[in-house]
Amino acid sequence: MDRTMDSLVLERVPTRWELLAYPSCRGLTSWLVNLQSRIEQLQTWKDNPTEVPKVTNISRLFNPQSFLTAVKQYYAQKTQSELNRL
């Protein structure tokens, strides 16, 4: 508990939080703002999963490569294209 309090006082992300979260070099305040933005983006998608967003902030995704792969798969199915050629 002391380590966590020390991290908070020094404006650092506590080690226990880092183990459960995404990698980042941000300070605590910036990290929390970024985390909130990520959560809001995911909640928007959860609330309306059939609506594809026109703009996606990839830097807020926990695993951007998976998202890009899913977009390519969706496009390949929609256009009857080969996934390997995209």
N, C-alpha and C. Protein backbone atom coordinates (compact mmCIF):
# COMPACT_ATOMS: atom_id res chain seq x y z
N MET A 1 0.82 -1.18 0.00
CA MET A 1 0.00 0.00 0.00
C MET A 1 0.88 1.26 0.00
N ASP A 2 1.99 1.19 0.70
CA ASP A 2 2.89 2.35 0.75
C ASP A 2 3.45 2.67 -0.64
N ARG A 3 3.78 1.64 -1.38
CA ARG A 3 4.32 1.86 -2.73
C ARG A 3 3.28 2.54 -3.62
N THR A 4 2.05 2.10 -3.49
CA THR A 4 0.98 2.71 -4.28
C THR A 4 0.81 4.18 -3.91
N MET A 5 0.81 4.47 -2.65
CA MET A 5 0.67 5.86 -2.19
C MET A 5 1.86 6.71 -2.66
N ASP A 6 3.05 6.14 -2.57
CA ASP A 6 4.24 6.86 -3.05
C ASP A 6 4.13 7.18 -4.53
N SER A 7 3.66 6.22 -5.31
CA SER A 7 3.50 6.44 -6.76
C SER A 7 2.49 7.55 -7.03
N LEU A 8 1.39 7.54 -6.30
CA LEU A 8 0.36 8.55 -6.50
C LEU A 8 0.88 9.94 -6.14
N VAL A 9 1.62 10.04 -5.05
CA VAL A 9 2.18 11.32 -4.64
C VAL A 9 3.20 11.83 -5.66
N LEU A 10 3.96 10.91 -6.25
CA LEU A 10 4.99 11.28 -7.23
C LEU A 10 4.44 11.38 -8.65
N GLU A 11 3.11 11.28 -8.79
CA GLU A 11 2.46 11.42 -10.11
C GLU A 11 2.92 10.33 -11.08
N ARG A 12 3.02 9.10 -10.57
CA ARG A 12 3.40 7.95 -11.40
C ARG A 12 2.30 6.91 -11.34
N VAL A 13 2.21 6.12 -12.39
CA VAL A 13 1.24 5.02 -12.41
C VAL A 13 1.76 3.93 -11.48
N PRO A 14 0.98 3.51 -10.50
CA PRO A 14 1.43 2.46 -9.59
C PRO A 14 1.76 1.16 -10.32
N THR A 15 2.76 0.47 -9.83
CA THR A 15 3.25 -0.76 -10.47
C THR A 15 2.13 -1.80 -10.62
N ARG A 16 1.31 -1.94 -9.62
CA ARG A 16 0.21 -2.92 -9.71
C ARG A 16 -0.76 -2.57 -10.83
N TRP A 17 -0.98 -1.30 -11.07
CA TRP A 17 -1.86 -0.88 -12.16
C TRP A 17 -1.21 -1.18 -13.50
N GLU A 18 0.10 -0.92 -13.60
CA GLU A 18 0.82 -1.17 -14.86
C GLU A 18 0.74 -2.63 -15.25
N LEU A 19 0.77 -3.53 -14.28
CA LEU A 19 0.73 -4.96 -14.57
C LEU A 19 -0.60 -5.37 -15.18
N LEU A 20 -1.67 -4.66 -14.86
CA LEU A 20 -3.00 -5.00 -15.35
C LEU A 20 -3.44 -4.17 -16.56
N ALA A 21 -2.67 -3.14 -16.90
CA ALA A 21 -3.08 -2.21 -17.94
C ALA A 21 -2.17 -2.32 -19.16
N TYR A 22 -2.34 -1.37 -20.04
CA TYR A 22 -1.54 -1.29 -21.27
C TYR A 22 -0.22 -0.59 -20.98
N PRO A 23 0.82 -0.87 -21.77
CA PRO A 23 2.10 -0.20 -21.55
C PRO A 23 2.03 1.28 -21.90
N SER A 24 2.65 2.10 -21.08
CA SER A 24 2.64 3.54 -21.31
C SER A 24 3.77 4.20 -20.53
N CYS A 25 4.28 5.28 -21.06
CA CYS A 25 5.32 6.07 -20.39
C CYS A 25 4.74 7.36 -19.83
N ARG A 26 3.44 7.50 -19.83
CA ARG A 26 2.78 8.73 -19.38
C ARG A 26 2.85 8.88 -17.87
N GLY A 27 2.70 10.12 -17.42
CA GLY A 27 2.53 10.39 -16.01
C GLY A 27 1.13 9.99 -15.58
N LEU A 28 0.87 9.99 -14.30
CA LEU A 28 -0.41 9.49 -13.78
C LEU A 28 -1.61 10.25 -14.33
N THR A 29 -1.58 11.57 -14.31
CA THR A 29 -2.73 12.34 -14.78
C THR A 29 -3.01 12.08 -16.25
N SER A 30 -1.99 12.13 -17.07
CA SER A 30 -2.15 11.87 -18.50
C SER A 30 -2.61 10.44 -18.74
N TRP A 31 -2.10 9.50 -17.97
CA TRP A 31 -2.48 8.10 -18.10
C TRP A 31 -3.96 7.91 -17.79
N LEU A 32 -4.43 8.56 -16.73
CA LEU A 32 -5.85 8.45 -16.35
C LEU A 32 -6.76 9.08 -17.40
N VAL A 33 -6.37 10.22 -17.96
CA VAL A 33 -7.16 10.86 -19.02
C VAL A 33 -7.23 9.94 -20.24
N ASN A 34 -6.09 9.35 -20.60
CA ASN A 34 -6.04 8.44 -21.73
C ASN A 34 -6.89 7.20 -21.48
N LEU A 35 -6.81 6.66 -20.29
CA LEU A 35 -7.62 5.49 -19.94
C LEU A 35 -9.11 5.81 -20.04
N GLN A 36 -9.51 6.99 -19.56
CA GLN A 36 -10.91 7.39 -19.64
C GLN A 36 -11.36 7.51 -21.10
N SER A 37 -10.51 8.05 -21.96
CA SER A 37 -10.83 8.15 -23.38
C SER A 37 -11.01 6.78 -24.01
N ARG A 38 -10.15 5.86 -23.64
CA ARG A 38 -10.26 4.48 -24.15
C ARG A 38 -11.57 3.84 -23.71
N ILE A 39 -11.92 4.03 -22.46
CA ILE A 39 -13.16 3.46 -21.93
C ILE A 39 -14.37 4.06 -22.64
N GLU A 40 -14.37 5.38 -22.85
CA GLU A 40 -15.48 6.03 -23.55
C GLU A 40 -15.61 5.49 -24.97
N GLN A 41 -14.50 5.29 -25.67
CA GLN A 41 -14.56 4.76 -27.03
C GLN A 41 -15.15 3.35 -27.03
N LEU A 42 -14.74 2.50 -26.10
CA LEU A 42 -15.27 1.15 -26.03
C LEU A 42 -16.75 1.14 -25.64
N GLN A 43 -17.15 2.05 -24.75
CA GLN A 43 -18.56 2.12 -24.37
C GLN A 43 -19.43 2.56 -25.53
N THR A 44 -18.93 3.47 -26.36
CA THR A 44 -19.67 3.91 -27.54
C THR A 44 -19.92 2.73 -28.46
N TRP A 45 -18.91 1.93 -28.67
CA TRP A 45 -19.07 0.75 -29.53
C TRP A 45 -20.01 -0.27 -28.90
N LYS A 46 -19.91 -0.44 -27.57
CA LYS A 46 -20.77 -1.40 -26.88
C LYS A 46 -22.23 -0.99 -26.98
N ASP A 47 -22.50 0.30 -26.86
CA ASP A 47 -23.87 0.79 -26.88
C ASP A 47 -24.52 0.68 -28.25
N ASN A 48 -23.72 0.72 -29.31
CA ASN A 48 -24.26 0.64 -30.67
C ASN A 48 -23.31 -0.18 -31.55
N PRO A 49 -23.30 -1.51 -31.37
CA PRO A 49 -22.31 -2.35 -32.07
C PRO A 49 -22.52 -2.47 -33.58
N THR A 50 -23.71 -2.16 -34.08
CA THR A 50 -23.94 -2.29 -35.52
C THR A 50 -23.48 -1.08 -36.31
N GLU A 51 -23.24 0.03 -35.63
CA GLU A 51 -22.80 1.24 -36.31
C GLU A 51 -21.27 1.29 -36.34
N VAL A 52 -20.72 1.25 -37.54
CA VAL A 52 -19.28 1.30 -37.69
C VAL A 52 -18.85 2.76 -37.61
N PRO A 53 -17.91 3.08 -36.71
CA PRO A 53 -17.47 4.48 -36.60
C PRO A 53 -16.70 4.91 -37.84
N LYS A 54 -16.93 6.13 -38.28
CA LYS A 54 -16.23 6.65 -39.46
C LYS A 54 -14.78 6.96 -39.13
N VAL A 55 -14.52 7.34 -37.89
CA VAL A 55 -13.16 7.64 -37.46
C VAL A 55 -12.89 6.86 -36.18
N THR A 56 -11.75 6.21 -36.14
CA THR A 56 -11.36 5.46 -34.95
C THR A 56 -9.98 5.90 -34.52
N ASN A 57 -9.85 6.25 -33.28
CA ASN A 57 -8.55 6.63 -32.74
C ASN A 57 -7.81 5.35 -32.35
N ILE A 58 -6.95 4.89 -33.25
CA ILE A 58 -6.27 3.62 -33.06
C ILE A 58 -5.36 3.64 -31.83
N SER A 59 -4.83 4.78 -31.50
CA SER A 59 -3.93 4.85 -30.34
C SER A 59 -4.65 4.57 -29.02
N ARG A 60 -5.96 4.62 -29.03
CA ARG A 60 -6.73 4.33 -27.81
C ARG A 60 -7.08 2.85 -27.67
N LEU A 61 -6.81 2.07 -28.70
CA LEU A 61 -7.14 0.66 -28.65
C LEU A 61 -6.07 -0.11 -27.88
N PHE A 62 -6.51 -1.15 -27.18
CA PHE A 62 -5.57 -1.97 -26.43
C PHE A 62 -4.78 -2.88 -27.36
N ASN A 63 -5.40 -3.31 -28.47
CA ASN A 63 -4.73 -4.17 -29.43
C ASN A 63 -5.10 -3.70 -30.84
N PRO A 64 -4.44 -2.67 -31.36
CA PRO A 64 -4.81 -2.10 -32.66
C PRO A 64 -4.69 -3.08 -33.81
N GLN A 65 -3.73 -4.01 -33.75
CA GLN A 65 -3.54 -4.96 -34.85
C GLN A 65 -4.77 -5.84 -35.03
N SER A 66 -5.39 -6.24 -33.96
CA SER A 66 -6.61 -7.05 -34.05
C SER A 66 -7.74 -6.27 -34.72
N PHE A 67 -7.86 -5.00 -34.36
CA PHE A 67 -8.89 -4.16 -34.97
C PHE A 67 -8.67 -4.03 -36.47
N LEU A 68 -7.43 -3.77 -36.88
CA LEU A 68 -7.13 -3.62 -38.31
C LEU A 68 -7.38 -4.93 -39.07
N THR A 69 -7.05 -6.05 -38.45
CA THR A 69 -7.32 -7.35 -39.08
C THR A 69 -8.82 -7.57 -39.24
N ALA A 70 -9.59 -7.21 -38.24
CA ALA A 70 -11.05 -7.36 -38.33
C ALA A 70 -11.63 -6.48 -39.43
N VAL A 71 -11.12 -5.26 -39.58
CA VAL A 71 -11.59 -4.37 -40.64
C VAL A 71 -11.28 -4.97 -42.00
N LYS A 72 -10.09 -5.51 -42.17
CA LYS A 72 -9.72 -6.14 -43.44
C LYS A 72 -10.60 -7.36 -43.73
N GLN A 73 -10.87 -8.17 -42.71
CA GLN A 73 -11.73 -9.33 -42.90
C GLN A 73 -13.14 -8.93 -43.29
N TYR A 74 -13.66 -7.92 -42.65
CA TYR A 74 -15.00 -7.42 -42.96
C TYR A 74 -15.06 -6.93 -44.40
N TYR A 75 -14.07 -6.15 -44.80
CA TYR A 75 -14.03 -5.62 -46.16
C TYR A 75 -13.91 -6.75 -47.18
N ALA A 76 -13.07 -7.73 -46.90
CA ALA A 76 -12.88 -8.86 -47.83
C ALA A 76 -14.18 -9.64 -48.00
N GLN A 77 -14.91 -9.85 -46.93
CA GLN A 77 -16.18 -10.56 -47.02
C GLN A 77 -17.21 -9.75 -47.78
N LYS A 78 -17.24 -8.46 -47.52
CA LYS A 78 -18.23 -7.58 -48.15
C LYS A 78 -18.01 -7.47 -49.66
N THR A 79 -16.75 -7.43 -50.08
CA THR A 79 -16.43 -7.24 -51.50
C THR A 79 -16.05 -8.53 -52.22
N GLN A 80 -16.15 -9.67 -51.50
CA GLN A 80 -15.78 -10.96 -52.07
C GLN A 80 -14.33 -10.95 -52.55
N SER A 81 -13.45 -10.27 -51.84
CA SER A 81 -12.03 -10.17 -52.18
C SER A 81 -11.24 -11.22 -51.39
N GLU A 82 -10.06 -11.51 -51.86
CA GLU A 82 -9.18 -12.40 -51.11
C GLU A 82 -8.48 -11.59 -50.03
N LEU A 83 -8.51 -12.10 -48.82
CA LEU A 83 -7.91 -11.39 -47.71
C LEU A 83 -6.41 -11.18 -47.91
N ASN A 84 -5.75 -12.13 -48.53
CA ASN A 84 -4.31 -12.04 -48.74
C ASN A 84 -3.92 -10.93 -49.69
N ARG A 85 -4.85 -10.46 -50.51
CA ARG A 85 -4.53 -9.43 -51.50
C ARG A 85 -4.83 -8.01 -51.01
N LEU A 86 -5.34 -7.90 -49.83
CA LEU A 86 -5.63 -6.57 -49.29
C LEU A 86 -4.40 -5.96 -48.66
